Amino acid sequence: MADSRSPVSSIRNLGPAMEASCARAGIHSAEELAALGTDETYRRLLKNGARPHFIAYYVIEMGLQGRPWNDCKGKEKERLRARFDAIVADAHDPGLSELERVLDQIGVRPR
């Protein structure tokens, strides 16, 4: 039976680089990403080594809404920035080395 899942890059605004980042975070289809939503998807990207970047965050949000990436403005952008900042504060540890990150991923170090 053929896999009927769509690639992450089938979501508007998301290309091969985002698809590769999602795959490293265990997100392998557009359907999985949509089910997780923007916040959980971005949290997983950060936990798997992605560097925080606000535009990448709101590109996901706009894509899930079927809107152009640069459609995010004004109060909506301010609300998204607050959500982004909270996710980064919770999920990103800039002091964590790549070795530590891999050890965490394979379960060698307790979380």
N, C-alpha and C. Protein backbone atom coordinates (compact mmCIF):
# COMPACT_ATOMS: atom_id res chain seq x y z
N MET A 1 0.85 -1.18 0.00
CA MET A 1 0.00 0.00 0.00
C MET A 1 0.89 1.24 0.00
N ALA A 2 0.57 2.22 -0.81
CA ALA A 2 1.36 3.45 -0.91
C ALA A 2 1.10 4.36 0.30
N ASP A 3 2.14 5.11 0.66
CA ASP A 3 2.02 6.06 1.76
C ASP A 3 1.25 7.28 1.26
N SER A 4 0.15 7.61 1.89
CA SER A 4 -0.68 8.71 1.43
C SER A 4 -0.38 10.02 2.16
N ARG A 5 0.66 10.03 2.97
CA ARG A 5 1.01 11.25 3.68
C ARG A 5 1.71 12.23 2.72
N SER A 6 1.48 13.50 2.95
CA SER A 6 2.07 14.56 2.13
C SER A 6 3.37 15.02 2.75
N PRO A 7 4.34 15.41 1.93
CA PRO A 7 5.59 15.92 2.49
C PRO A 7 5.38 17.25 3.19
N VAL A 8 6.20 17.52 4.19
CA VAL A 8 6.14 18.80 4.91
C VAL A 8 6.21 19.96 3.92
N SER A 9 7.03 19.82 2.89
CA SER A 9 7.19 20.90 1.92
C SER A 9 5.95 21.15 1.07
N SER A 10 4.92 20.33 1.22
CA SER A 10 3.66 20.61 0.51
C SER A 10 2.86 21.71 1.20
N ILE A 11 3.24 22.06 2.42
CA ILE A 11 2.59 23.17 3.13
C ILE A 11 3.16 24.47 2.58
N ARG A 12 2.28 25.40 2.30
CA ARG A 12 2.70 26.69 1.76
C ARG A 12 3.83 27.28 2.61
N ASN A 13 4.80 27.87 1.98
CA ASN A 13 5.95 28.55 2.59
C ASN A 13 7.06 27.62 3.08
N LEU A 14 6.79 26.33 3.20
CA LEU A 14 7.78 25.43 3.77
C LEU A 14 8.50 24.68 2.66
N GLY A 15 9.81 24.79 2.65
CA GLY A 15 10.60 24.17 1.60
C GLY A 15 11.46 23.03 2.11
N PRO A 16 12.45 22.65 1.33
CA PRO A 16 13.31 21.51 1.67
C PRO A 16 14.07 21.68 2.99
N ALA A 17 14.52 22.88 3.30
CA ALA A 17 15.26 23.09 4.55
C ALA A 17 14.37 22.84 5.76
N MET A 18 13.14 23.35 5.72
CA MET A 18 12.21 23.12 6.84
C MET A 18 11.82 21.65 6.89
N GLU A 19 11.66 21.04 5.75
CA GLU A 19 11.33 19.61 5.71
C GLU A 19 12.44 18.79 6.37
N ALA A 20 13.69 19.12 6.09
CA ALA A 20 14.83 18.41 6.70
C ALA A 20 14.87 18.65 8.21
N SER A 21 14.64 19.88 8.64
CA SER A 21 14.62 20.18 10.08
C SER A 21 13.51 19.41 10.78
N CYS A 22 12.35 19.35 10.15
CA CYS A 22 11.23 18.61 10.73
C CYS A 22 11.56 17.12 10.82
N ALA A 23 12.18 16.58 9.78
CA ALA A 23 12.54 15.16 9.80
C ALA A 23 13.48 14.86 10.96
N ARG A 24 14.46 15.75 11.21
CA ARG A 24 15.37 15.56 12.35
C ARG A 24 14.61 15.59 13.68
N ALA A 25 13.48 16.29 13.70
CA ALA A 25 12.67 16.39 14.91
C ALA A 25 11.58 15.31 14.96
N GLY A 26 11.60 14.38 13.99
CA GLY A 26 10.64 13.28 14.01
C GLY A 26 9.29 13.62 13.39
N ILE A 27 9.22 14.70 12.64
CA ILE A 27 7.98 15.10 11.97
C ILE A 27 8.18 14.83 10.48
N HIS A 28 7.45 13.85 9.95
CA HIS A 28 7.73 13.36 8.61
C HIS A 28 6.64 13.61 7.59
N SER A 29 5.60 14.33 7.97
CA SER A 29 4.56 14.62 6.98
C SER A 29 3.85 15.93 7.32
N ALA A 30 3.21 16.46 6.29
CA ALA A 30 2.41 17.67 6.48
C ALA A 30 1.27 17.41 7.46
N GLU A 31 0.73 16.20 7.41
CA GLU A 31 -0.37 15.86 8.31
C GLU A 31 0.09 15.84 9.76
N GLU A 32 1.27 15.28 10.02
CA GLU A 32 1.81 15.29 11.39
C GLU A 32 2.02 16.71 11.87
N LEU A 33 2.64 17.54 11.02
CA LEU A 33 2.90 18.92 11.39
C LEU A 33 1.59 19.65 11.71
N ALA A 34 0.61 19.49 10.86
CA ALA A 34 -0.68 20.14 11.07
C ALA A 34 -1.33 19.68 12.37
N ALA A 35 -1.23 18.39 12.67
CA ALA A 35 -1.82 17.86 13.91
C ALA A 35 -1.11 18.42 15.14
N LEU A 36 0.21 18.60 15.03
CA LEU A 36 0.96 19.16 16.16
C LEU A 36 0.70 20.65 16.33
N GLY A 37 0.51 21.35 15.23
CA GLY A 37 0.33 22.80 15.27
C GLY A 37 1.68 23.51 15.34
N THR A 38 1.63 24.80 15.19
CA THR A 38 2.84 25.61 15.12
C THR A 38 3.67 25.51 16.39
N ASP A 39 3.06 25.69 17.54
CA ASP A 39 3.82 25.76 18.79
C ASP A 39 4.56 24.46 19.10
N GLU A 40 3.88 23.34 19.02
CA GLU A 40 4.53 22.06 19.32
C GLU A 40 5.56 21.70 18.26
N THR A 41 5.26 21.99 17.01
CA THR A 41 6.25 21.75 15.95
C THR A 41 7.51 22.54 16.24
N TYR A 42 7.37 23.81 16.55
CA TYR A 42 8.55 24.65 16.78
C TYR A 42 9.30 24.21 18.04
N ARG A 43 8.56 23.83 19.06
CA ARG A 43 9.18 23.32 20.29
C ARG A 43 10.05 22.10 19.96
N ARG A 44 9.53 21.20 19.14
CA ARG A 44 10.30 20.01 18.77
C ARG A 44 11.52 20.36 17.92
N LEU A 45 11.37 21.34 17.04
CA LEU A 45 12.52 21.79 16.26
C LEU A 45 13.63 22.31 17.17
N LEU A 46 13.26 23.12 18.15
CA LEU A 46 14.25 23.66 19.08
C LEU A 46 14.90 22.55 19.91
N LYS A 47 14.11 21.62 20.37
CA LYS A 47 14.63 20.51 21.18
C LYS A 47 15.59 19.62 20.39
N ASN A 48 15.49 19.71 19.06
CA ASN A 48 16.35 18.90 18.20
C ASN A 48 17.42 19.72 17.49
N GLY A 49 17.78 20.84 18.09
CA GLY A 49 18.95 21.58 17.64
C GLY A 49 18.73 22.78 16.76
N ALA A 50 17.50 23.07 16.37
CA ALA A 50 17.26 24.26 15.56
C ALA A 50 17.55 25.51 16.38
N ARG A 51 18.11 26.51 15.74
CA ARG A 51 18.37 27.78 16.41
C ARG A 51 17.10 28.62 16.33
N PRO A 52 16.75 29.32 17.39
CA PRO A 52 15.52 30.13 17.38
C PRO A 52 15.58 31.22 16.31
N HIS A 53 14.52 31.34 15.56
CA HIS A 53 14.39 32.37 14.56
C HIS A 53 12.91 32.68 14.39
N PHE A 54 12.51 33.88 14.74
CA PHE A 54 11.10 34.24 14.75
C PHE A 54 10.44 34.07 13.38
N ILE A 55 11.12 34.42 12.31
CA ILE A 55 10.51 34.30 10.99
C ILE A 55 10.18 32.83 10.69
N ALA A 56 11.07 31.92 11.02
CA ALA A 56 10.79 30.49 10.80
C ALA A 56 9.53 30.07 11.55
N TYR A 57 9.36 30.59 12.76
CA TYR A 57 8.18 30.27 13.55
C TYR A 57 6.90 30.76 12.86
N TYR A 58 6.89 32.03 12.47
CA TYR A 58 5.62 32.51 11.91
C TYR A 58 5.40 32.05 10.48
N VAL A 59 6.46 31.62 9.78
CA VAL A 59 6.29 31.01 8.47
C VAL A 59 5.47 29.72 8.60
N ILE A 60 5.74 28.96 9.65
CA ILE A 60 4.95 27.74 9.90
C ILE A 60 3.49 28.11 10.15
N GLU A 61 3.27 29.08 11.02
CA GLU A 61 1.90 29.50 11.35
C GLU A 61 1.15 29.98 10.10
N MET A 62 1.78 30.81 9.31
CA MET A 62 1.12 31.31 8.10
C MET A 62 0.87 30.16 7.12
N GLY A 63 1.83 29.27 6.99
CA GLY A 63 1.67 28.12 6.09
C GLY A 63 0.50 27.24 6.49
N LEU A 64 0.36 26.99 7.77
CA LEU A 64 -0.75 26.15 8.24
C LEU A 64 -2.10 26.82 7.98
N GLN A 65 -2.08 28.14 7.89
CA GLN A 65 -3.31 28.88 7.58
C GLN A 65 -3.49 29.08 6.07
N GLY A 66 -2.51 28.61 5.28
CA GLY A 66 -2.59 28.77 3.83
C GLY A 66 -2.32 30.19 3.37
N ARG A 67 -1.62 30.95 4.18
CA ARG A 67 -1.35 32.36 3.88
C ARG A 67 0.11 32.55 3.49
N PRO A 68 0.41 33.62 2.72
CA PRO A 68 1.80 33.93 2.40
C PRO A 68 2.58 34.21 3.68
N TRP A 69 3.87 33.86 3.67
CA TRP A 69 4.69 34.01 4.87
C TRP A 69 4.75 35.45 5.35
N ASN A 70 4.69 36.42 4.44
CA ASN A 70 4.83 37.83 4.83
C ASN A 70 3.49 38.50 5.11
N ASP A 71 2.45 37.70 5.30
CA ASP A 71 1.11 38.23 5.60
C ASP A 71 0.94 38.55 7.09
N CYS A 72 1.90 38.19 7.88
CA CYS A 72 1.82 38.37 9.34
C CYS A 72 2.24 39.79 9.69
N LYS A 73 1.32 40.56 10.27
CA LYS A 73 1.60 41.97 10.56
C LYS A 73 0.88 42.41 11.84
N GLY A 74 1.28 43.56 12.32
CA GLY A 74 0.57 44.26 13.39
C GLY A 74 0.37 43.45 14.66
N LYS A 75 -0.84 43.51 15.18
CA LYS A 75 -1.19 42.85 16.44
C LYS A 75 -1.01 41.33 16.35
N GLU A 76 -1.36 40.78 15.21
CA GLU A 76 -1.19 39.33 15.03
C GLU A 76 0.28 38.96 15.20
N LYS A 77 1.17 39.73 14.60
CA LYS A 77 2.60 39.46 14.69
C LYS A 77 3.08 39.63 16.13
N GLU A 78 2.55 40.61 16.84
CA GLU A 78 2.91 40.81 18.25
C GLU A 78 2.48 39.61 19.09
N ARG A 79 1.27 39.09 18.85
CA ARG A 79 0.79 37.91 19.59
C ARG A 79 1.66 36.68 19.29
N LEU A 80 2.01 36.52 18.02
CA LEU A 80 2.88 35.40 17.65
C LEU A 80 4.26 35.55 18.28
N ARG A 81 4.77 36.77 18.36
CA ARG A 81 6.08 37.00 18.97
C ARG A 81 6.06 36.59 20.45
N ALA A 82 4.97 36.90 21.14
CA ALA A 82 4.86 36.51 22.55
C ALA A 82 4.84 34.99 22.68
N ARG A 83 4.11 34.30 21.82
CA ARG A 83 4.10 32.83 21.84
C ARG A 83 5.49 32.27 21.54
N PHE A 84 6.15 32.83 20.52
CA PHE A 84 7.50 32.41 20.14
C PHE A 84 8.47 32.57 21.32
N ASP A 85 8.45 33.74 21.95
CA ASP A 85 9.35 33.99 23.07
C ASP A 85 9.14 33.00 24.20
N ALA A 86 7.89 32.65 24.47
CA ALA A 86 7.60 31.68 25.54
C ALA A 86 8.12 30.29 25.16
N ILE A 87 7.98 29.90 23.92
CA ILE A 87 8.47 28.59 23.48
C ILE A 87 9.99 28.55 23.57
N VAL A 88 10.65 29.60 23.11
CA VAL A 88 12.11 29.65 23.16
C VAL A 88 12.60 29.59 24.60
N ALA A 89 11.95 30.32 25.49
CA ALA A 89 12.35 30.31 26.90
C ALA A 89 12.22 28.92 27.50
N ASP A 90 11.23 28.18 27.05
CA ASP A 90 10.98 26.83 27.58
C ASP A 90 11.83 25.75 26.92
N ALA A 91 12.06 25.86 25.61
CA ALA A 91 12.60 24.73 24.86
C ALA A 91 14.03 24.89 24.36
N HIS A 92 14.60 26.07 24.44
CA HIS A 92 15.93 26.29 23.87
C HIS A 92 16.95 26.53 24.97
N ASP A 93 18.01 25.74 24.93
CA ASP A 93 19.11 25.91 25.88
C ASP A 93 20.37 26.23 25.08
N PRO A 94 20.73 27.52 24.98
CA PRO A 94 21.88 27.89 24.16
C PRO A 94 23.21 27.35 24.68
N GLY A 95 23.24 26.92 25.92
CA GLY A 95 24.47 26.38 26.49
C GLY A 95 24.65 24.89 26.27
N LEU A 96 23.66 24.25 25.69
CA LEU A 96 23.71 22.81 25.48
C LEU A 96 24.57 22.50 24.26
N SER A 97 25.62 21.74 24.46
CA SER A 97 26.50 21.40 23.34
C SER A 97 25.82 20.37 22.43
N GLU A 98 26.35 20.25 21.24
CA GLU A 98 25.81 19.26 20.30
C GLU A 98 25.92 17.85 20.86
N LEU A 99 27.04 17.55 21.52
CA LEU A 99 27.20 16.22 22.12
C LEU A 99 26.13 15.99 23.18
N GLU A 100 25.91 16.96 24.05
CA GLU A 100 24.88 16.82 25.08
C GLU A 100 23.50 16.64 24.44
N ARG A 101 23.23 17.37 23.37
CA ARG A 101 21.94 17.28 22.69
C ARG A 101 21.74 15.85 22.15
N VAL A 102 22.77 15.27 21.54
CA VAL A 102 22.66 13.91 21.00
C VAL A 102 22.50 12.91 22.13
N LEU A 103 23.25 13.08 23.21
CA LEU A 103 23.11 12.19 24.36
C LEU A 103 21.70 12.23 24.92
N ASP A 104 21.11 13.42 24.96
CA ASP A 104 19.72 13.54 25.40
C ASP A 104 18.77 12.82 24.46
N GLN A 105 19.00 12.97 23.14
CA GLN A 105 18.12 12.34 22.16
C GLN A 105 18.13 10.84 22.24
N ILE A 106 19.28 10.25 22.54
CA ILE A 106 19.36 8.79 22.60
C ILE A 106 19.13 8.26 24.00
N GLY A 107 18.88 9.14 24.95
CA GLY A 107 18.49 8.72 26.29
C GLY A 107 19.63 8.38 27.22
N VAL A 108 20.83 8.86 26.93
CA VAL A 108 21.98 8.57 27.80
C VAL A 108 21.95 9.44 29.05
N ARG A 109 21.55 10.68 28.89
CA ARG A 109 21.50 11.61 30.02
C ARG A 109 20.05 11.76 30.47
N PRO A 110 19.80 11.80 31.76
CA PRO A 110 18.42 12.04 32.22
C PRO A 110 18.00 13.46 31.92
N ARG A 111 16.72 13.64 31.64
CA ARG A 111 16.19 15.01 31.37
C ARG A 111 15.61 15.60 32.62
